[in-house]
Protein backbone atom coordinates (compact mmCIF):
# COMPACT_ATOMS: atom_id res chain seq x y z
CA MET A 1 -67.54 50.71 -9.27
CA THR A 2 -64.74 53.09 -10.13
CA ARG A 3 -61.37 52.00 -11.63
CA ALA A 4 -59.57 52.91 -8.38
CA THR A 5 -61.97 50.79 -6.34
CA ARG A 6 -61.45 47.75 -8.63
CA GLY A 7 -57.65 48.09 -8.35
CA LEU A 8 -57.78 48.23 -4.58
CA LEU A 9 -60.07 45.20 -4.47
CA SER A 10 -57.60 43.17 -6.64
CA ILE A 11 -54.70 44.01 -4.32
CA VAL A 12 -56.64 42.96 -1.25
CA THR A 13 -57.74 39.68 -2.92
CA ALA A 14 -54.13 38.81 -3.94
CA PHE A 15 -52.92 39.53 -0.40
CA PHE A 16 -55.41 37.16 1.22
CA ALA A 17 -54.70 34.44 -1.43
CA GLY A 18 -50.99 34.63 -0.59
CA VAL A 19 -51.71 34.32 3.11
CA LEU A 20 -53.90 31.27 2.45
CA VAL A 21 -51.22 29.48 0.34
CA ASP A 22 -48.53 30.24 2.93
CA SER A 23 -50.68 28.73 5.67
CA TRP A 24 -51.28 25.57 3.59
CA LEU A 25 -47.56 25.09 2.95
CA ARG A 26 -46.77 25.51 6.65
CA VAL A 27 -49.19 22.66 7.48
CA PHE A 28 -48.65 20.21 4.62
CA GLY A 29 -45.16 21.22 3.39
CA PRO A 30 -43.90 21.63 -0.22
CA PRO A 31 -44.47 18.89 -2.86
CA MET A 32 -41.99 16.01 -2.32
CA PRO A 33 -39.74 14.76 -5.16
CA VAL A 34 -40.56 11.42 -6.82
CA GLN A 35 -38.98 8.58 -4.84
CA THR A 36 -36.81 6.00 -6.65
CA PRO A 37 -35.54 2.66 -5.34
CA ALA A 38 -32.27 2.81 -3.43
CA GLY A 39 -29.22 2.69 -5.71
CA THR A 40 -31.13 3.73 -8.84
CA PRO A 41 -29.24 6.48 -10.74
CA VAL A 42 -31.30 9.55 -11.49
CA ALA A 43 -30.36 11.36 -14.69
CA SER A 44 -31.28 14.91 -15.53
CA PRO A 45 -33.90 15.28 -18.33
CA SER A 46 -31.22 16.44 -20.78
CA ALA A 47 -28.77 13.65 -19.97
CA ALA A 48 -28.29 10.71 -22.36
CA PRO A 49 -29.69 7.35 -21.12
CA LEU A 50 -27.21 5.18 -19.29
CA ALA A 51 -25.80 2.29 -21.36
CA PRO A 52 -26.17 -1.19 -19.90
CA ILE A 53 -22.96 -2.76 -18.60
CA SER A 54 -23.10 -5.40 -21.34
CA ALA A 55 -22.88 -2.69 -23.99
CA VAL A 56 -19.55 -1.35 -22.77
CA THR A 57 -16.76 -2.45 -25.13
CA PRO A 58 -13.79 -3.92 -23.25
CA ALA A 59 -10.31 -2.66 -24.02
CA VAL A 60 -8.52 -4.65 -26.70
CA PRO A 61 -5.34 -6.26 -25.37
CA VAL A 62 -2.12 -5.39 -27.16
CA ALA A 63 -0.21 -8.28 -28.69
CA THR A 64 3.17 -9.00 -27.14
CA THR A 65 6.36 -8.49 -29.09
CA GLY A 66 9.61 -10.34 -28.50
CA LYS A 67 13.17 -9.08 -28.21
CA ARG A 68 13.51 -9.00 -31.98
CA GLY A 69 10.56 -6.62 -32.19
CA LEU A 70 8.31 -9.25 -33.78
CA ARG A 71 4.59 -9.11 -33.18
CA VAL A 72 2.70 -12.23 -32.13
CA PRO A 73 0.31 -12.99 -35.01
CA ILE A 74 -2.74 -13.37 -32.74
CA GLU A 75 -3.89 -10.31 -30.79
CA GLY A 76 -3.33 -10.49 -27.04
CA VAL A 77 -1.38 -13.77 -27.02
CA ASP A 78 1.91 -13.73 -25.12
CA VAL A 79 5.20 -14.96 -26.56
CA GLU A 80 5.37 -17.59 -23.80
CA ALA A 81 2.36 -19.34 -25.35
CA MET A 82 4.71 -20.57 -28.11
CA LYS A 83 7.10 -22.34 -25.75
CA GLY A 84 7.44 -26.05 -26.47
CA GLY A 85 5.22 -26.10 -29.54
CA PHE A 86 8.07 -26.52 -32.00
CA SER A 87 9.26 -29.81 -30.51
CA GLU A 88 5.81 -31.43 -30.18
CA ALA A 89 5.54 -34.73 -32.05
CA ARG A 90 3.13 -35.12 -34.95
CA THR A 91 2.13 -38.32 -36.75
CA GLY A 92 4.92 -39.17 -39.13
CA HIS A 93 6.75 -35.84 -38.86
CA PRO A 94 8.08 -33.27 -36.39
CA HIS A 95 5.83 -30.27 -35.81
CA GLU A 96 8.46 -27.57 -36.43
CA ALA A 97 5.86 -24.85 -35.81
CA VAL A 98 3.55 -23.52 -33.10
CA ASP A 99 -0.24 -23.60 -32.97
CA PHE A 100 -2.55 -20.88 -31.69
CA LEU A 101 -5.93 -22.38 -30.77
CA VAL A 102 -8.38 -19.50 -31.09
CA PRO A 103 -11.93 -19.07 -32.43
CA ARG A 104 -12.62 -19.34 -36.13
CA ASN A 105 -12.22 -16.06 -38.05
CA THR A 106 -9.86 -14.56 -35.46
CA PRO A 107 -7.70 -12.02 -37.37
CA VAL A 108 -4.13 -13.03 -38.18
CA HIS A 109 -1.58 -10.17 -38.13
CA ALA A 110 1.72 -9.87 -39.97
CA VAL A 111 4.50 -10.39 -37.44
CA GLN A 112 6.85 -7.97 -39.20
CA ASP A 113 7.05 -5.64 -42.17
CA GLY A 114 7.76 -7.56 -45.34
CA THR A 115 6.35 -8.96 -48.57
CA ILE A 116 3.75 -11.58 -49.39
CA ALA A 117 5.94 -14.09 -51.21
CA LYS A 118 3.13 -16.55 -51.97
CA LEU A 119 -0.52 -17.28 -51.29
CA PHE A 120 -0.68 -21.04 -51.61
CA VAL A 121 -3.35 -23.71 -51.11
CA SER A 122 -2.07 -27.15 -50.13
CA LYS A 123 -3.61 -30.41 -48.95
CA ALA A 124 -1.88 -30.20 -45.58
CA GLY A 125 -1.82 -26.48 -44.84
CA GLY A 126 -5.00 -25.44 -46.63
CA ASN A 127 -5.03 -21.70 -47.25
CA THR A 128 -1.49 -20.57 -46.45
CA ILE A 129 0.60 -17.40 -46.56
CA TYR A 130 4.36 -17.23 -47.04
CA GLN A 131 5.69 -13.84 -45.97
CA PHE A 132 9.32 -12.75 -46.40
CA ASP A 133 10.95 -10.41 -43.91
CA PRO A 134 12.47 -7.12 -45.20
CA SER A 135 15.88 -8.74 -45.77
CA GLY A 136 14.50 -11.75 -47.61
CA GLU A 137 16.42 -14.03 -45.26
CA ARG A 138 13.42 -15.38 -43.36
CA CYS A 139 9.97 -16.59 -44.23
CA TYR A 140 6.93 -16.54 -41.94
CA TYR A 141 4.36 -19.23 -42.66
CA TYR A 142 0.68 -18.96 -41.70
CA ALA A 143 -1.51 -22.03 -42.33
CA HIS A 144 -5.04 -23.47 -41.92
CA LEU A 145 -6.56 -20.06 -42.66
CA GLN A 146 -10.28 -19.69 -43.12
CA ARG A 147 -9.61 -17.05 -45.76
CA TYR A 148 -7.19 -14.34 -46.78
CA ALA A 149 -7.68 -10.66 -46.06
CA ASP A 150 -9.60 -8.93 -48.82
CA GLY A 151 -7.40 -7.73 -51.66
CA LEU A 152 -4.27 -9.61 -50.57
CA HIS A 153 -2.05 -10.75 -53.47
CA ASP A 154 1.36 -12.25 -54.17
CA GLY A 155 4.06 -9.60 -54.03
CA ASP A 156 2.09 -7.19 -51.84
CA PRO A 157 4.08 -5.25 -49.23
CA VAL A 158 2.65 -5.63 -45.72
CA GLN A 159 3.25 -3.78 -42.50
CA GLN A 160 3.69 -5.25 -39.05
CA GLY A 161 0.30 -5.71 -37.42
CA GLU A 162 -1.64 -5.64 -40.69
CA VAL A 163 -4.44 -8.22 -40.88
CA ILE A 164 -3.50 -10.70 -43.62
CA GLY A 165 -5.93 -13.54 -42.96
CA TYR A 166 -8.34 -15.23 -40.58
CA VAL A 167 -8.03 -18.39 -38.49
CA GLY A 168 -9.82 -21.48 -39.76
CA THR A 169 -9.58 -25.24 -40.31
CA SER A 170 -8.55 -25.51 -43.96
CA GLY A 171 -6.16 -28.28 -45.00
CA ASN A 172 -5.74 -31.21 -42.62
CA ALA A 173 -6.75 -29.29 -39.48
CA PRO A 174 -9.50 -30.97 -37.42
CA PRO A 175 -12.80 -29.35 -38.48
CA ASP A 176 -13.77 -28.67 -34.86
CA THR A 177 -10.39 -27.19 -33.85
CA PRO A 178 -9.73 -23.88 -35.59
CA HIS A 179 -6.16 -22.74 -35.09
CA LEU A 180 -3.27 -20.91 -36.70
CA HIS A 181 -0.26 -23.04 -37.60
CA PHE A 182 2.70 -20.64 -37.57
CA ALA A 183 6.27 -21.40 -38.61
CA VAL A 184 9.52 -19.52 -39.27
CA PHE A 185 12.03 -20.60 -41.92
CA GLU A 186 15.55 -19.48 -42.61
CA LEU A 187 15.82 -19.12 -46.39
CA GLY A 188 18.73 -20.21 -48.54
CA PRO A 189 20.53 -17.96 -51.02
CA GLU A 190 17.95 -18.82 -53.70
CA ARG A 191 15.19 -17.23 -51.59
CA GLN A 192 12.69 -19.99 -52.42
CA TRP A 193 9.46 -19.59 -50.48
CA TRP A 194 8.82 -23.36 -50.38
CA LYS A 195 12.28 -24.28 -49.08
CA GLY A 196 14.06 -23.32 -45.88
CA LYS A 197 15.36 -24.42 -42.50
CA ALA A 198 12.70 -24.50 -39.77
CA LEU A 199 13.44 -22.36 -36.71
CA ASP A 200 11.72 -22.51 -33.33
CA PRO A 201 9.34 -19.49 -33.36
CA TYR A 202 9.60 -19.16 -29.57
CA LEU A 203 13.38 -18.79 -29.71
CA VAL A 204 13.13 -16.42 -32.67
CA PHE A 205 10.73 -14.13 -30.82
CA LYS A 206 12.82 -14.30 -27.66
CA GLY A 207 15.89 -13.26 -29.63
CA ALA A 208 17.68 -16.55 -29.07
CA GLY A 209 16.95 -18.12 -32.43
CA GLY A 210 19.50 -16.34 -34.58
């Protein structure tokens, strides 16, 4: 068989094979795509796998600030949550503070720029922080902390919103009720961190407390 004859035979064979495939497709149709249950998302081979809904991180709420520009020490808690806490009665003494009942180890944020006047451990307050405002006229008091922020020391400058400690039950707080005991004091001319006039935190944050 000559080379020309073999070439012609190949062309004829390819022609009839094409006709045969075309006839098969006309009868049976093209291959169908893989069916998936209704509502199931289909990702392209190069696409990253879809994350489960539970893995999506919710947006972190922004803590509310009052008229004085103070930041609530617990993230996402509104100023109105402090209303009435100052005047609540306590056994043998007035409260003169507000409590934030939140889970243990919730971060505690500095309410304003200032200075750490004293890290102090007491029988009543447990692990406490006394923070002076920039003018040195007011002291912010954070008590019943689980622990202080790493590296925090007396005399350290702090910025508003900085994490300075974590909520706990130290001191005389009920062991099953972690909370932040927060107070505001107006300091005297001596600027003594342990001595001052208690102010209602709600009124201070609302701009009506001096």
